[in-house]
Amino acid sequence: MSDVGYRARAWLTWPRVIVPAGGVALLVLLALGQVRESVRGEMRVERRPGGGFTVTVNDCSSAGVAGVVLEGRRAGDRFDLRVRASGDAAVLSLLEPNVIDSADRAIDIRRQDCSRWDVLVEPGVGSVNGIRLARGHVHVTCLVDSDVVTADAEFSECS
């Protein structure tokens, strides 16, 4: 009799352990799904006279407080669009192909260069290794020198 009672009590204890543990696991999975990096869009440069290129934006990374780097690849070349700040005060820098960090090889774009300007960079949901995630969008059409630069991109949780 005591063996049967012990087994019954043990059997009734398992749901009290499994259900809360399963609930915690489900919440963790949901949280991880909500903090997934997402980026989509394209950058286009029309060179005059003739020429130009279009690049699909397929990666992003946070560039510190109110900044983000949008990356696209085309035919093996890497193109970066750096966004510093947000709104009318933002400055965009389109780096030449495969140039990772050189201010002298970038096309700087400001609000006054553009007929269309909607730039938003704000903090994302959390941080990764102490770096604040970034989210927002860039929708611009600008005339810089004799090039028309167009960028349309949405991004979230860039780390």
N, C-alpha and C. Protein backbone atom coordinates (compact mmCIF):
# COMPACT_ATOMS: atom_id res chain seq x y z
N MET A 1 0.81 -1.19 0.00
CA MET A 1 0.00 0.00 0.00
C MET A 1 0.85 1.26 0.00
N SER A 2 1.89 1.28 0.81
CA SER A 2 2.72 2.48 0.86
C SER A 2 3.48 2.69 -0.45
N ASP A 3 3.87 1.60 -1.13
CA ASP A 3 4.56 1.72 -2.41
C ASP A 3 3.65 2.33 -3.46
N VAL A 4 2.39 1.95 -3.48
CA VAL A 4 1.42 2.50 -4.43
C VAL A 4 1.19 3.98 -4.14
N GLY A 5 1.07 4.35 -2.89
CA GLY A 5 0.87 5.75 -2.51
C GLY A 5 2.06 6.61 -2.90
N TYR A 6 3.26 6.07 -2.70
CA TYR A 6 4.48 6.80 -3.07
C TYR A 6 4.52 7.04 -4.58
N ARG A 7 4.19 6.01 -5.35
CA ARG A 7 4.18 6.15 -6.81
C ARG A 7 3.14 7.16 -7.26
N ALA A 8 2.00 7.17 -6.65
CA ALA A 8 0.94 8.12 -7.02
C ALA A 8 1.38 9.54 -6.72
N ARG A 9 1.99 9.75 -5.53
CA ARG A 9 2.46 11.11 -5.19
C ARG A 9 3.58 11.55 -6.15
N ALA A 10 4.49 10.64 -6.50
CA ALA A 10 5.58 10.95 -7.42
C ALA A 10 5.01 11.31 -8.79
N TRP A 11 4.03 10.57 -9.24
CA TRP A 11 3.40 10.83 -10.53
C TRP A 11 2.72 12.21 -10.54
N LEU A 12 2.11 12.60 -9.44
CA LEU A 12 1.43 13.90 -9.37
C LEU A 12 2.43 15.05 -9.24
N THR A 13 3.64 14.79 -8.80
CA THR A 13 4.66 15.82 -8.66
C THR A 13 5.22 16.23 -10.02
N TRP A 14 5.36 15.32 -10.95
CA TRP A 14 5.95 15.61 -12.26
C TRP A 14 5.26 16.76 -13.00
N PRO A 15 3.91 16.80 -13.06
CA PRO A 15 3.30 17.94 -13.77
C PRO A 15 3.64 19.29 -13.15
N ARG A 16 3.82 19.32 -11.83
CA ARG A 16 4.18 20.59 -11.18
C ARG A 16 5.59 21.04 -11.55
N VAL A 17 6.43 20.13 -11.99
CA VAL A 17 7.79 20.47 -12.39
C VAL A 17 7.85 20.72 -13.90
N ILE A 18 7.22 19.84 -14.66
CA ILE A 18 7.31 19.91 -16.12
C ILE A 18 6.58 21.12 -16.68
N VAL A 19 5.40 21.41 -16.20
CA VAL A 19 4.61 22.52 -16.76
C VAL A 19 5.32 23.86 -16.59
N PRO A 20 5.80 24.23 -15.39
CA PRO A 20 6.52 25.51 -15.29
C PRO A 20 7.82 25.52 -16.11
N ALA A 21 8.56 24.41 -16.13
CA ALA A 21 9.80 24.36 -16.91
C ALA A 21 9.50 24.51 -18.40
N GLY A 22 8.45 23.85 -18.86
CA GLY A 22 8.05 23.98 -20.26
C GLY A 22 7.61 25.40 -20.58
N GLY A 23 6.91 26.04 -19.64
CA GLY A 23 6.49 27.42 -19.84
C GLY A 23 7.68 28.36 -19.96
N VAL A 24 8.68 28.18 -19.11
CA VAL A 24 9.89 29.00 -19.17
C VAL A 24 10.61 28.78 -20.50
N ALA A 25 10.73 27.52 -20.91
CA ALA A 25 11.39 27.22 -22.18
C ALA A 25 10.64 27.88 -23.35
N LEU A 26 9.32 27.84 -23.31
CA LEU A 26 8.53 28.46 -24.37
C LEU A 26 8.73 29.98 -24.40
N LEU A 27 8.77 30.61 -23.23
CA LEU A 27 9.01 32.05 -23.17
C LEU A 27 10.39 32.41 -23.72
N VAL A 28 11.40 31.60 -23.40
CA VAL A 28 12.74 31.87 -23.92
C VAL A 28 12.75 31.76 -25.44
N LEU A 29 12.11 30.73 -25.99
CA LEU A 29 12.06 30.57 -27.44
C LEU A 29 11.32 31.73 -28.10
N LEU A 30 10.23 32.17 -27.49
CA LEU A 30 9.50 33.31 -28.05
C LEU A 30 10.35 34.57 -28.01
N ALA A 31 11.06 34.78 -26.91
CA ALA A 31 11.92 35.96 -26.80
C ALA A 31 13.03 35.93 -27.84
N LEU A 32 13.63 34.78 -28.05
CA LEU A 32 14.68 34.67 -29.05
C LEU A 32 14.14 34.93 -30.44
N GLY A 33 12.93 34.49 -30.70
CA GLY A 33 12.32 34.74 -32.00
C GLY A 33 12.02 36.21 -32.23
N GLN A 34 11.74 36.96 -31.17
CA GLN A 34 11.43 38.38 -31.28
C GLN A 34 12.67 39.23 -31.46
N VAL A 35 13.84 38.73 -31.13
CA VAL A 35 15.06 39.52 -31.18
C VAL A 35 15.92 39.09 -32.36
N ARG A 36 15.33 38.61 -33.39
CA ARG A 36 16.06 38.18 -34.58
C ARG A 36 16.31 39.36 -35.49
N GLU A 37 17.55 39.46 -35.97
CA GLU A 37 17.91 40.54 -36.89
C GLU A 37 17.12 40.42 -38.18
N SER A 38 16.70 41.56 -38.68
CA SER A 38 15.94 41.59 -39.92
C SER A 38 16.37 42.82 -40.71
N VAL A 39 16.63 42.63 -41.99
CA VAL A 39 16.97 43.75 -42.86
C VAL A 39 16.50 43.43 -44.28
N ARG A 40 15.90 44.43 -44.93
CA ARG A 40 15.50 44.25 -46.33
C ARG A 40 15.48 45.61 -47.00
N GLY A 41 15.82 45.58 -48.28
CA GLY A 41 15.80 46.81 -49.04
C GLY A 41 16.85 46.81 -50.13
N GLU A 42 17.08 48.00 -50.70
CA GLU A 42 18.10 48.12 -51.75
C GLU A 42 18.68 49.52 -51.78
N MET A 43 19.89 49.59 -52.31
CA MET A 43 20.58 50.86 -52.57
C MET A 43 20.81 50.92 -54.08
N ARG A 44 20.63 52.12 -54.65
CA ARG A 44 20.81 52.28 -56.09
C ARG A 44 21.59 53.56 -56.35
N VAL A 45 22.57 53.47 -57.20
CA VAL A 45 23.34 54.64 -57.61
C VAL A 45 23.25 54.73 -59.13
N GLU A 46 22.76 55.87 -59.62
CA GLU A 46 22.69 56.12 -61.06
C GLU A 46 23.75 57.15 -61.39
N ARG A 47 24.72 56.73 -62.16
CA ARG A 47 25.83 57.61 -62.52
C ARG A 47 25.51 58.32 -63.83
N ARG A 48 25.87 59.59 -63.87
CA ARG A 48 25.66 60.35 -65.10
C ARG A 48 27.01 60.72 -65.67
N PRO A 49 27.27 60.55 -66.90
CA PRO A 49 26.38 60.00 -67.92
C PRO A 49 26.41 58.47 -67.90
N GLY A 50 25.25 57.89 -67.87
CA GLY A 50 25.08 56.43 -67.94
C GLY A 50 25.72 55.68 -66.78
N GLY A 51 25.43 54.41 -66.71
CA GLY A 51 26.03 53.55 -65.70
C GLY A 51 25.28 53.58 -64.38
N GLY A 52 25.84 52.87 -63.42
CA GLY A 52 25.24 52.79 -62.10
C GLY A 52 25.08 51.35 -61.66
N PHE A 53 24.50 51.17 -60.51
CA PHE A 53 24.31 49.82 -59.97
C PHE A 53 23.20 49.83 -58.93
N THR A 54 22.67 48.64 -58.69
CA THR A 54 21.68 48.41 -57.64
C THR A 54 22.18 47.27 -56.78
N VAL A 55 22.06 47.42 -55.47
CA VAL A 55 22.53 46.42 -54.51
C VAL A 55 21.41 46.11 -53.54
N THR A 56 21.16 44.83 -53.31
CA THR A 56 20.19 44.41 -52.30
C THR A 56 20.85 44.48 -50.93
N VAL A 57 20.20 45.15 -49.99
CA VAL A 57 20.70 45.24 -48.62
C VAL A 57 20.38 43.92 -47.93
N ASN A 58 21.42 43.24 -47.42
CA ASN A 58 21.18 41.92 -46.84
C ASN A 58 21.81 41.73 -45.47
N ASP A 59 22.41 42.77 -44.90
CA ASP A 59 22.99 42.63 -43.57
C ASP A 59 23.04 44.01 -42.93
N CYS A 60 23.11 44.03 -41.60
CA CYS A 60 23.22 45.30 -40.89
C CYS A 60 23.97 45.08 -39.59
N SER A 61 24.54 46.16 -39.09
CA SER A 61 25.20 46.10 -37.79
C SER A 61 25.06 47.45 -37.11
N SER A 62 24.94 47.40 -35.79
CA SER A 62 24.84 48.62 -35.02
C SER A 62 26.17 49.34 -35.04
N ALA A 63 26.12 50.66 -35.13
CA ALA A 63 27.34 51.46 -35.13
C ALA A 63 27.33 52.38 -33.92
N GLY A 64 26.98 51.84 -32.77
CA GLY A 64 26.97 52.62 -31.54
C GLY A 64 25.68 53.40 -31.39
N VAL A 65 25.75 54.48 -30.62
CA VAL A 65 24.56 55.27 -30.32
C VAL A 65 24.04 55.92 -31.59
N ALA A 66 22.80 55.65 -31.93
CA ALA A 66 22.12 56.23 -33.10
C ALA A 66 22.91 56.07 -34.39
N GLY A 67 23.38 54.87 -34.64
CA GLY A 67 24.08 54.61 -35.88
C GLY A 67 23.91 53.17 -36.32
N VAL A 68 24.01 52.95 -37.63
CA VAL A 68 23.87 51.60 -38.18
C VAL A 68 24.63 51.54 -39.50
N VAL A 69 25.10 50.35 -39.84
CA VAL A 69 25.75 50.12 -41.14
C VAL A 69 24.90 49.10 -41.89
N LEU A 70 24.42 49.48 -43.07
CA LEU A 70 23.66 48.59 -43.93
C LEU A 70 24.61 48.06 -44.99
N GLU A 71 24.61 46.76 -45.19
CA GLU A 71 25.56 46.15 -46.12
C GLU A 71 24.82 45.43 -47.24
N GLY A 72 25.35 45.58 -48.45
CA GLY A 72 24.83 44.86 -49.60
C GLY A 72 25.98 44.28 -50.40
N ARG A 73 25.72 43.20 -51.10
CA ARG A 73 26.75 42.58 -51.95
C ARG A 73 26.21 42.44 -53.36
N ARG A 74 27.11 42.66 -54.32
CA ARG A 74 26.77 42.52 -55.73
C ARG A 74 28.00 42.06 -56.47
N ALA A 75 27.89 40.94 -57.15
CA ALA A 75 29.00 40.38 -57.94
C ALA A 75 30.28 40.29 -57.12
N GLY A 76 30.14 39.88 -55.85
CA GLY A 76 31.30 39.71 -54.98
C GLY A 76 31.79 40.98 -54.31
N ASP A 77 31.27 42.14 -54.70
CA ASP A 77 31.68 43.41 -54.09
C ASP A 77 30.77 43.74 -52.91
N ARG A 78 31.36 44.33 -51.88
CA ARG A 78 30.61 44.73 -50.70
C ARG A 78 30.40 46.24 -50.74
N PHE A 79 29.16 46.67 -50.52
CA PHE A 79 28.81 48.08 -50.46
C PHE A 79 28.22 48.37 -49.08
N ASP A 80 28.72 49.40 -48.41
CA ASP A 80 28.21 49.79 -47.09
C ASP A 80 27.57 51.16 -47.17
N LEU A 81 26.43 51.29 -46.50
CA LEU A 81 25.80 52.59 -46.30
C LEU A 81 25.79 52.82 -44.79
N ARG A 82 26.59 53.76 -44.33
CA ARG A 82 26.66 54.06 -42.91
C ARG A 82 25.68 55.18 -42.60
N VAL A 83 24.93 55.00 -41.53
CA VAL A 83 23.94 55.98 -41.11
C VAL A 83 24.33 56.45 -39.71
N ARG A 84 24.61 57.74 -39.59
CA ARG A 84 24.94 58.32 -38.29
C ARG A 84 23.84 59.30 -37.91
N ALA A 85 23.26 59.10 -36.76
CA ALA A 85 22.17 59.91 -36.21
C ALA A 85 20.84 59.57 -36.89
N SER A 86 19.84 60.39 -36.65
CA SER A 86 18.50 60.10 -37.13
C SER A 86 17.81 61.40 -37.51
N GLY A 87 16.78 61.30 -38.34
CA GLY A 87 16.02 62.47 -38.75
C GLY A 87 16.82 63.39 -39.66
N ASP A 88 16.51 64.69 -39.60
CA ASP A 88 17.18 65.67 -40.46
C ASP A 88 18.66 65.83 -40.15
N ALA A 89 19.08 65.48 -38.94
CA ALA A 89 20.48 65.61 -38.54
C ALA A 89 21.35 64.44 -39.00
N ALA A 90 20.73 63.42 -39.55
CA ALA A 90 21.48 62.22 -39.96
C ALA A 90 22.45 62.54 -41.08
N VAL A 91 23.54 61.78 -41.11
CA VAL A 91 24.51 61.85 -42.20
C VAL A 91 24.69 60.42 -42.71
N LEU A 92 24.54 60.24 -44.02
CA LEU A 92 24.74 58.93 -44.65
C LEU A 92 26.07 58.94 -45.37
N SER A 93 26.76 57.82 -45.33
CA SER A 93 28.03 57.69 -46.07
C SER A 93 27.97 56.40 -46.87
N LEU A 94 28.02 56.54 -48.18
CA LEU A 94 28.05 55.38 -49.07
C LEU A 94 29.50 55.10 -49.41
N LEU A 95 30.02 53.97 -48.94
CA LEU A 95 31.42 53.64 -49.18
C LEU A 95 31.59 52.96 -50.53
N GLU A 96 32.71 53.24 -51.17
CA GLU A 96 33.02 52.58 -52.44
C GLU A 96 33.11 51.07 -52.22
N PRO A 97 32.99 50.29 -53.28
CA PRO A 97 33.02 48.83 -53.14
C PRO A 97 34.24 48.33 -52.38
N ASN A 98 33.98 47.43 -51.43
CA ASN A 98 35.00 46.73 -50.65
C ASN A 98 35.84 47.62 -49.75
N VAL A 99 35.44 48.87 -49.56
CA VAL A 99 36.13 49.75 -48.62
C VAL A 99 35.40 49.63 -47.29
N ILE A 100 36.09 49.16 -46.29
CA ILE A 100 35.44 48.91 -45.01
C ILE A 100 35.46 50.15 -44.12
N ASP A 101 36.57 50.86 -44.06
CA ASP A 101 36.65 51.96 -43.10
C ASP A 101 37.57 53.07 -43.61
N SER A 102 37.05 53.89 -44.52
CA SER A 102 37.86 54.98 -45.04
C SER A 102 36.96 56.16 -45.38
N ALA A 103 37.06 57.21 -44.58
CA ALA A 103 36.21 58.38 -44.77
C ALA A 103 36.51 59.09 -46.09
N ASP A 104 37.75 59.01 -46.58
CA ASP A 104 38.09 59.71 -47.82
C ASP A 104 37.60 58.99 -49.06
N ARG A 105 37.07 57.77 -48.91
CA ARG A 105 36.56 57.03 -50.07
C ARG A 105 35.06 56.79 -49.92
N ALA A 106 34.38 57.78 -49.38
CA ALA A 106 32.94 57.67 -49.16
C ALA A 106 32.22 58.86 -49.78
N ILE A 107 30.97 58.63 -50.19
CA ILE A 107 30.10 59.71 -50.64
C ILE A 107 29.24 60.08 -49.44
N ASP A 108 29.44 61.29 -48.89
CA ASP A 108 28.63 61.74 -47.76
C ASP A 108 27.35 62.39 -48.27
N ILE A 109 26.26 62.04 -47.62
CA ILE A 109 24.94 62.51 -48.04
C ILE A 109 24.25 63.15 -46.85
N ARG A 110 23.74 64.36 -47.05
CA ARG A 110 23.03 65.08 -45.99
C ARG A 110 21.63 65.46 -46.48
N ARG A 111 20.81 65.89 -45.57
CA ARG A 111 19.41 66.22 -45.86
C ARG A 111 19.30 67.21 -47.03
N GLN A 112 20.13 68.22 -47.08
CA GLN A 112 20.01 69.25 -48.12
C GLN A 112 20.32 68.72 -49.52
N ASP A 113 20.92 67.52 -49.63
CA ASP A 113 21.23 66.93 -50.93
C ASP A 113 20.04 66.15 -51.51
N CYS A 114 18.96 66.05 -50.75
CA CYS A 114 17.92 65.07 -51.08
C CYS A 114 16.55 65.68 -51.33
N SER A 115 15.86 65.10 -52.29
CA SER A 115 14.47 65.48 -52.55
C SER A 115 13.51 64.64 -51.71
N ARG A 116 13.98 63.48 -51.25
CA ARG A 116 13.19 62.60 -50.37
C ARG A 116 14.10 62.18 -49.23
N TRP A 117 13.63 62.35 -47.97
CA TRP A 117 14.48 62.07 -46.81
C TRP A 117 13.63 61.59 -45.65
N ASP A 118 13.75 60.34 -45.31
CA ASP A 118 13.08 59.77 -44.14
C ASP A 118 14.08 58.78 -43.52
N VAL A 119 14.79 59.23 -42.48
CA VAL A 119 15.84 58.44 -41.85
C VAL A 119 15.50 58.31 -40.37
N LEU A 120 15.39 57.07 -39.90
CA LEU A 120 15.10 56.81 -38.50
C LEU A 120 16.02 55.71 -38.01
N VAL A 121 16.79 56.00 -36.97
CA VAL A 121 17.60 55.01 -36.28
C VAL A 121 17.29 55.16 -34.81
N GLU A 122 16.83 54.07 -34.18
CA GLU A 122 16.49 54.12 -32.77
C GLU A 122 16.95 52.83 -32.09
N PRO A 123 17.02 52.84 -30.77
CA PRO A 123 17.45 51.63 -30.06
C PRO A 123 16.48 50.47 -30.30
N GLY A 124 17.05 49.29 -30.43
CA GLY A 124 16.24 48.09 -30.59
C GLY A 124 15.79 47.56 -29.24
N VAL A 125 15.44 46.28 -29.20
CA VAL A 125 14.88 45.66 -28.01
C VAL A 125 15.90 45.45 -26.91
N GLY A 126 17.15 45.16 -27.22
CA GLY A 126 18.14 44.86 -26.19
C GLY A 126 19.54 45.17 -26.64
N SER A 127 20.48 44.39 -26.12
CA SER A 127 21.88 44.57 -26.51
C SER A 127 22.55 43.21 -26.60
N VAL A 128 23.63 43.16 -27.36
CA VAL A 128 24.43 41.95 -27.52
C VAL A 128 25.86 42.32 -27.22
N ASN A 129 26.46 41.65 -26.24
CA ASN A 129 27.84 41.94 -25.82
C ASN A 129 28.05 43.43 -25.54
N GLY A 130 27.08 44.06 -24.92
CA GLY A 130 27.19 45.47 -24.56
C GLY A 130 26.92 46.44 -25.68
N ILE A 131 26.62 45.95 -26.88
CA ILE A 131 26.31 46.82 -28.02
C ILE A 131 24.79 46.90 -28.17
N ARG A 132 24.27 48.11 -28.13
CA ARG A 132 22.83 48.32 -28.23
C ARG A 132 22.34 47.96 -29.63
N LEU A 133 21.29 47.15 -29.72
CA LEU A 133 20.70 46.81 -31.01
C LEU A 133 20.05 48.05 -31.62
N ALA A 134 19.96 48.09 -32.94
CA ALA A 134 19.38 49.26 -33.63
C ALA A 134 18.25 48.80 -34.55
N ARG A 135 17.27 49.68 -34.71
CA ARG A 135 16.19 49.42 -35.66
C ARG A 135 15.77 50.74 -36.29
N GLY A 136 15.11 50.65 -37.44
CA GLY A 136 14.63 51.85 -38.10
C GLY A 136 14.51 51.67 -39.60
N HIS A 137 14.66 52.76 -40.33
CA HIS A 137 14.54 52.70 -41.79
C HIS A 137 15.29 53.87 -42.43
N VAL A 138 15.58 53.69 -43.71
CA VAL A 138 16.20 54.73 -44.54
C VAL A 138 15.44 54.75 -45.86
N HIS A 139 14.85 55.90 -46.19
CA HIS A 139 14.16 56.10 -47.47
C HIS A 139 14.61 57.45 -48.01
N VAL A 140 15.56 57.44 -48.93
CA VAL A 140 16.11 58.69 -49.45
C VAL A 140 16.30 58.63 -50.96
N THR A 141 16.20 59.79 -51.58
CA THR A 141 16.60 59.99 -52.98
C THR A 141 17.40 61.28 -53.00
N CYS A 142 18.67 61.19 -53.41
CA CYS A 142 19.58 62.32 -53.27
C CYS A 142 20.42 62.51 -54.52
N LEU A 143 20.77 63.77 -54.80
CA LEU A 143 21.68 64.11 -55.89
C LEU A 143 22.99 64.55 -55.26
N VAL A 144 24.02 63.73 -55.46
CA VAL A 144 25.34 64.01 -54.90
C VAL A 144 26.32 64.06 -56.05
N ASP A 145 26.97 65.20 -56.21
CA ASP A 145 27.79 65.46 -57.40
C ASP A 145 26.89 65.26 -58.61
N SER A 146 27.18 64.31 -59.47
CA SER A 146 26.28 64.06 -60.60
C SER A 146 25.60 62.70 -60.47
N ASP A 147 25.69 62.08 -59.28
CA ASP A 147 25.08 60.77 -59.05
C ASP A 147 23.75 60.92 -58.32
N VAL A 148 22.78 60.09 -58.71
CA VAL A 148 21.52 60.01 -57.97
C VAL A 148 21.60 58.76 -57.10
N VAL A 149 21.52 58.97 -55.80
CA VAL A 149 21.60 57.86 -54.84
C VAL A 149 20.21 57.66 -54.24
N THR A 150 19.71 56.43 -54.34
CA THR A 150 18.42 56.07 -53.76
C THR A 150 18.64 54.90 -52.83
N ALA A 151 18.07 55.00 -51.64
CA ALA A 151 18.15 53.89 -50.69
C ALA A 151 16.79 53.73 -50.04
N ASP A 152 16.33 52.50 -50.01
CA ASP A 152 15.09 52.13 -49.33
C ASP A 152 15.36 50.87 -48.54
N ALA A 153 15.40 50.98 -47.22
CA ALA A 153 15.72 49.82 -46.39
C ALA A 153 15.00 49.92 -45.05
N GLU A 154 14.57 48.78 -44.57
CA GLU A 154 13.98 48.62 -43.24
C GLU A 154 14.89 47.66 -42.48
N PHE A 155 15.17 47.95 -41.20
CA PHE A 155 16.04 47.08 -40.42
C PHE A 155 15.57 47.04 -38.98
N SER A 156 15.85 45.92 -38.32
CA SER A 156 15.53 45.79 -36.91
C SER A 156 16.49 44.84 -36.23
N GLU A 157 16.77 45.14 -35.01
CA GLU A 157 17.64 44.34 -34.13
C GLU A 157 19.02 44.09 -34.73
N CYS A 158 19.60 45.10 -35.35
CA CYS A 158 20.96 45.01 -35.88
C CYS A 158 21.94 45.07 -34.71
N SER A 159 22.89 44.14 -34.70
CA SER A 159 23.81 44.10 -33.55
C SER A 159 25.22 44.51 -33.95
